[in-house]
Amino acid sequence: MSSILSIDLMKKIFKAEYAELNAIHEYLKKFLKEHHVNEELLFKTMVFSEEIMTNISRYAYPENDGINNPIEIDIRIINKKRIVMEISDYGIAFDPLTYHKPEKKSEVELGGFGLILVKKITHKLKYRRENNRNIITAIITSHDSP
């Protein structure tokens, strides 16, 4: 049985549009810095949130209807080197874990590299569809974490 030293939780709802990205980043930075997470973890969290938010704002809602739909961000700080972040939206069902890097250079399209990056910077990544919501959960750790 593992013992968790502390869990600090932040939960916030934003509009599911790209214009909200700056507000999301400012909110996350403030929260993470208040809890003294290290710079590597802060950076990875910003990259993760940007890539997932970009995909949601571009592809989850037909006709750019993200402005009328919420995106919920939950972040739990396990310790200064490990967080669990969950992002959920009501957009079109999409499992980012099913995206695979094209094998041939001729198959590479503009975009899609963000999901590859997300897979590389997260310790563990899970997707589920629940109550008409896409829910992606990431465990993000700093390099010197187990």
C-alpha atoms as a PDB file:
ATOM      1  CA  MET A   1       0.000   0.000   0.000  1.00  0.00           C
ATOM      2  CA  SER A   2       1.536   3.300  -1.049  1.00  0.00           C
ATOM      3  CA  SER A   3       1.379   6.313   1.154  1.00  0.00           C
ATOM      4  CA  ILE A   4       0.762   9.673  -0.414  1.00  0.00           C
ATOM      5  CA  LEU A   5       2.272  12.561   1.471  1.00  0.00           C
ATOM      6  CA  SER A   6      -0.077  15.231   0.183  1.00  0.00           C
ATOM      7  CA  ILE A   7      -2.641  15.917  -2.452  1.00  0.00           C
ATOM      8  CA  ASP A   8      -3.551  19.450  -3.402  1.00  0.00           C
ATOM      9  CA  LEU A   9      -6.392  19.807  -5.880  1.00  0.00           C
ATOM     10  CA  MET A  10      -7.246  22.505  -8.377  1.00  0.00           C
ATOM     11  CA  LYS A  11     -10.416  22.255 -10.435  1.00  0.00           C
ATOM     12  CA  LYS A  12     -11.419  24.923 -12.928  1.00  0.00           C
ATOM     13  CA  ILE A  13     -13.794  25.252 -15.874  1.00  0.00           C
ATOM     14  CA  PHE A  14     -12.904  27.235 -18.990  1.00  0.00           C
ATOM     15  CA  LYS A  15     -14.473  27.706 -22.418  1.00  0.00           C
ATOM     16  CA  ALA A  16     -13.306  25.067 -24.889  1.00  0.00           C
ATOM     17  CA  GLU A  17     -11.733  27.571 -27.264  1.00  0.00           C
ATOM     18  CA  TYR A  18      -8.124  28.316 -28.117  1.00  0.00           C
ATOM     19  CA  ALA A  19      -8.426  31.908 -26.888  1.00  0.00           C
ATOM     20  CA  GLU A  20      -8.685  30.513 -23.350  1.00  0.00           C
ATOM     21  CA  LEU A  21      -5.218  28.961 -23.499  1.00  0.00           C
ATOM     22  CA  ASN A  22      -3.491  31.984 -21.986  1.00  0.00           C
ATOM     23  CA  ALA A  23      -5.957  32.073 -19.077  1.00  0.00           C
ATOM     24  CA  ILE A  24      -5.482  28.333 -18.540  1.00  0.00           C
ATOM     25  CA  HIS A  25      -1.698  28.691 -18.499  1.00  0.00           C
ATOM     26  CA  GLU A  26      -1.772  31.623 -16.096  1.00  0.00           C
ATOM     27  CA  TYR A  27      -4.074  29.758 -13.737  1.00  0.00           C
ATOM     28  CA  LEU A  28      -1.967  26.579 -13.865  1.00  0.00           C
ATOM     29  CA  LYS A  29       1.327  28.461 -13.406  1.00  0.00           C
ATOM     30  CA  LYS A  30       0.009  30.311 -10.387  1.00  0.00           C
ATOM     31  CA  PHE A  31      -1.349  27.135  -8.787  1.00  0.00           C
ATOM     32  CA  LEU A  32       1.791  25.069  -9.455  1.00  0.00           C
ATOM     33  CA  LYS A  33       4.180  27.775  -8.301  1.00  0.00           C
ATOM     34  CA  GLU A  34       2.179  28.239  -5.086  1.00  0.00           C
ATOM     35  CA  HIS A  35       2.771  24.532  -4.444  1.00  0.00           C
ATOM     36  CA  HIS A  36       6.483  24.730  -5.327  1.00  0.00           C
ATOM     37  CA  VAL A  37       6.569  22.113  -8.081  1.00  0.00           C
ATOM     38  CA  ASN A  38       9.880  21.992  -9.899  1.00  0.00           C
ATOM     39  CA  GLU A  39      10.484  23.753 -13.231  1.00  0.00           C
ATOM     40  CA  GLU A  40      10.541  20.550 -15.275  1.00  0.00           C
ATOM     41  CA  LEU A  41       7.130  19.531 -13.993  1.00  0.00           C
ATOM     42  CA  LEU A  42       5.766  23.021 -14.593  1.00  0.00           C
ATOM     43  CA  PHE A  43       7.082  22.956 -18.184  1.00  0.00           C
ATOM     44  CA  LYS A  44       5.657  19.498 -18.928  1.00  0.00           C
ATOM     45  CA  THR A  45       2.286  20.521 -17.501  1.00  0.00           C
ATOM     46  CA  MET A  46       2.194  23.607 -19.724  1.00  0.00           C
ATOM     47  CA  VAL A  47       3.076  21.570 -22.819  1.00  0.00           C
ATOM     48  CA  PHE A  48       0.504  18.889 -21.992  1.00  0.00           C
ATOM     49  CA  SER A  49      -2.289  21.413 -21.395  1.00  0.00           C
ATOM     50  CA  GLU A  50      -1.414  23.371 -24.544  1.00  0.00           C
ATOM     51  CA  GLU A  51      -1.383  20.335 -26.826  1.00  0.00           C
ATOM     52  CA  ILE A  52      -4.609  18.854 -25.465  1.00  0.00           C
ATOM     53  CA  MET A  53      -6.381  22.233 -25.427  1.00  0.00           C
ATOM     54  CA  THR A  54      -5.257  22.930 -29.004  1.00  0.00           C
ATOM     55  CA  ASN A  55      -6.719  19.612 -30.179  1.00  0.00           C
ATOM     56  CA  ILE A  56      -9.977  20.210 -28.335  1.00  0.00           C
ATOM     57  CA  SER A  57     -10.380  23.747 -29.669  1.00  0.00           C
ATOM     58  CA  ARG A  58      -9.576  22.726 -33.257  1.00  0.00           C
ATOM     59  CA  TYR A  59     -11.288  19.369 -33.617  1.00  0.00           C
ATOM     60  CA  ALA A  60     -13.758  18.577 -30.829  1.00  0.00           C
ATOM     61  CA  TYR A  61     -16.536  20.942 -31.822  1.00  0.00           C
ATOM     62  CA  PRO A  62     -18.001  21.336 -35.302  1.00  0.00           C
ATOM     63  CA  GLU A  63     -18.092  24.891 -36.587  1.00  0.00           C
ATOM     64  CA  ASN A  64     -15.863  26.186 -33.752  1.00  0.00           C
ATOM     65  CA  ASP A  65     -18.584  25.842 -31.138  1.00  0.00           C
ATOM     66  CA  GLY A  66     -16.076  25.482 -28.285  1.00  0.00           C
ATOM     67  CA  ILE A  67     -16.963  28.948 -27.030  1.00  0.00           C
ATOM     68  CA  ASN A  68     -20.331  27.565 -25.924  1.00  0.00           C
ATOM     69  CA  ASN A  69     -18.917  24.431 -24.313  1.00  0.00           C
ATOM     70  CA  PRO A  70     -16.891  23.885 -21.159  1.00  0.00           C
ATOM     71  CA  ILE A  71     -13.548  22.271 -20.674  1.00  0.00           C
ATOM     72  CA  GLU A  72     -12.769  21.137 -17.158  1.00  0.00           C
ATOM     73  CA  ILE A  73      -9.249  20.873 -15.806  1.00  0.00           C
ATOM     74  CA  ASP A  74      -8.488  18.989 -12.604  1.00  0.00           C
ATOM     75  CA  ILE A  75      -4.964  18.863 -11.300  1.00  0.00           C
ATOM     76  CA  ARG A  76      -3.774  16.975  -8.246  1.00  0.00           C
ATOM     77  CA  ILE A  77      -0.315  17.569  -6.915  1.00  0.00           C
ATOM     78  CA  ILE A  78       0.897  14.340  -5.391  1.00  0.00           C
ATOM     79  CA  ASN A  79       4.244  15.878  -4.443  1.00  0.00           C
ATOM     80  CA  LYS A  80       6.627  18.439  -5.876  1.00  0.00           C
ATOM     81  CA  LYS A  81       7.716  15.986  -8.582  1.00  0.00           C
ATOM     82  CA  ARG A  82       4.456  14.278  -9.568  1.00  0.00           C
ATOM     83  CA  ILE A  83       1.030  15.495 -10.590  1.00  0.00           C
ATOM     84  CA  VAL A  84      -2.112  13.947 -12.011  1.00  0.00           C
ATOM     85  CA  MET A  85      -3.926  16.115 -14.533  1.00  0.00           C
ATOM     86  CA  GLU A  86      -7.313  15.446 -16.044  1.00  0.00           C
ATOM     87  CA  ILE A  87      -8.847  17.409 -18.909  1.00  0.00           C
ATOM     88  CA  SER A  88     -12.411  16.754 -19.996  1.00  0.00           C
ATOM     89  CA  ASP A  89     -14.655  18.134 -22.722  1.00  0.00           C
ATOM     90  CA  TYR A  90     -18.034  17.396 -24.345  1.00  0.00           C
ATOM     91  CA  GLY A  91     -16.708  17.350 -27.901  1.00  0.00           C
ATOM     92  CA  ILE A  92     -16.709  14.653 -30.534  1.00  0.00           C
ATOM     93  CA  ALA A  93     -15.388  11.365 -29.151  1.00  0.00           C
ATOM     94  CA  PHE A  94     -11.658  11.092 -29.772  1.00  0.00           C
ATOM     95  CA  ASP A  95      -9.108   8.852 -28.114  1.00  0.00           C
ATOM     96  CA  PRO A  96      -5.683  10.497 -28.527  1.00  0.00           C
ATOM     97  CA  LEU A  97      -4.007   7.253 -27.492  1.00  0.00           C
ATOM     98  CA  THR A  98      -5.066   5.709 -30.789  1.00  0.00           C
ATOM     99  CA  TYR A  99      -3.039   8.254 -32.750  1.00  0.00           C
ATOM    100  CA  HIS A 100       0.163   6.742 -34.091  1.00  0.00           C
ATOM    101  CA  LYS A 101       3.133   8.405 -35.686  1.00  0.00           C
ATOM    102  CA  PRO A 102       3.060   7.859 -39.442  1.00  0.00           C
ATOM    103  CA  GLU A 103       5.629   5.303 -40.563  1.00  0.00           C
ATOM    104  CA  LYS A 104       6.497   7.030 -43.842  1.00  0.00           C
ATOM    105  CA  LYS A 105       7.493  10.668 -44.207  1.00  0.00           C
ATOM    106  CA  SER A 106       5.015  10.988 -47.085  1.00  0.00           C
ATOM    107  CA  GLU A 107       2.192  10.212 -44.622  1.00  0.00           C
ATOM    108  CA  VAL A 108       3.115  13.063 -42.268  1.00  0.00           C
ATOM    109  CA  GLU A 109       0.536  15.813 -42.245  1.00  0.00           C
ATOM    110  CA  LEU A 110       0.686  19.190 -40.611  1.00  0.00           C
ATOM    111  CA  GLY A 111      -0.353  18.630 -37.035  1.00  0.00           C
ATOM    112  CA  GLY A 112      -0.433  15.468 -34.982  1.00  0.00           C
ATOM    113  CA  PHE A 113       3.043  15.975 -33.568  1.00  0.00           C
ATOM    114  CA  GLY A 114       1.570  17.439 -30.382  1.00  0.00           C
ATOM    115  CA  LEU A 115      -0.007  14.100 -29.504  1.00  0.00           C
ATOM    116  CA  ILE A 116       3.323  12.363 -30.049  1.00  0.00           C
ATOM    117  CA  LEU A 117       4.941  14.900 -27.722  1.00  0.00           C
ATOM    118  CA  VAL A 118       2.204  14.404 -25.107  1.00  0.00           C
ATOM    119  CA  LYS A 119       2.870  10.672 -25.096  1.00  0.00           C
ATOM    120  CA  LYS A 120       6.609  11.282 -24.622  1.00  0.00           C
ATOM    121  CA  ILE A 121       6.374  13.761 -21.747  1.00  0.00           C
ATOM    122  CA  THR A 122       3.783  11.926 -19.668  1.00  0.00           C
ATOM    123  CA  HIS A 123       4.594   9.079 -17.340  1.00  0.00           C
ATOM    124  CA  LYS A 124       1.171   7.510 -17.915  1.00  0.00           C
ATOM    125  CA  LEU A 125      -1.731   8.537 -20.132  1.00  0.00           C
ATOM    126  CA  LYS A 126      -5.319   7.258 -20.091  1.00  0.00           C
ATOM    127  CA  TYR A 127      -8.454   8.087 -22.067  1.00  0.00           C
ATOM    128  CA  ARG A 128     -12.067   7.295 -21.385  1.00  0.00           C
ATOM    129  CA  ARG A 129     -15.453   8.411 -22.705  1.00  0.00           C
ATOM    130  CA  GLU A 130     -17.955   8.889 -19.903  1.00  0.00           C
ATOM    131  CA  ASN A 131     -21.321  10.704 -19.816  1.00  0.00           C
ATOM    132  CA  ASN A 132     -20.700  12.182 -23.287  1.00  0.00           C
ATOM    133  CA  ARG A 133     -17.308  13.546 -22.181  1.00  0.00           C
ATOM    134  CA  ASN A 134     -13.799  12.899 -23.419  1.00  0.00           C
ATOM    135  CA  ILE A 135     -11.604  12.509 -20.365  1.00  0.00           C
ATOM    136  CA  ILE A 136      -7.835  12.340 -20.690  1.00  0.00           C
ATOM    137  CA  THR A 137      -5.804  11.708 -17.563  1.00  0.00           C
ATOM    138  CA  ALA A 138      -2.055  12.103 -17.381  1.00  0.00           C
ATOM    139  CA  ILE A 139       0.460  11.349 -14.701  1.00  0.00           C
ATOM    140  CA  ILE A 140       3.255  13.850 -15.222  1.00  0.00           C
ATOM    141  CA  THR A 141       6.545  13.452 -13.383  1.00  0.00           C
ATOM    142  CA  SER A 142       9.836  15.240 -13.311  1.00  0.00           C
ATOM    143  CA  HIS A 143      12.847  13.357 -14.667  1.00  0.00           C
ATOM    144  CA  ASP A 144      14.231  12.386 -11.281  1.00  0.00           C
ATOM    145  CA  SER A 145      10.910  10.911 -10.109  1.00  0.00           C
ATOM    146  CA  PRO A 146      10.316   7.164  -9.995  1.00  0.00           C
END
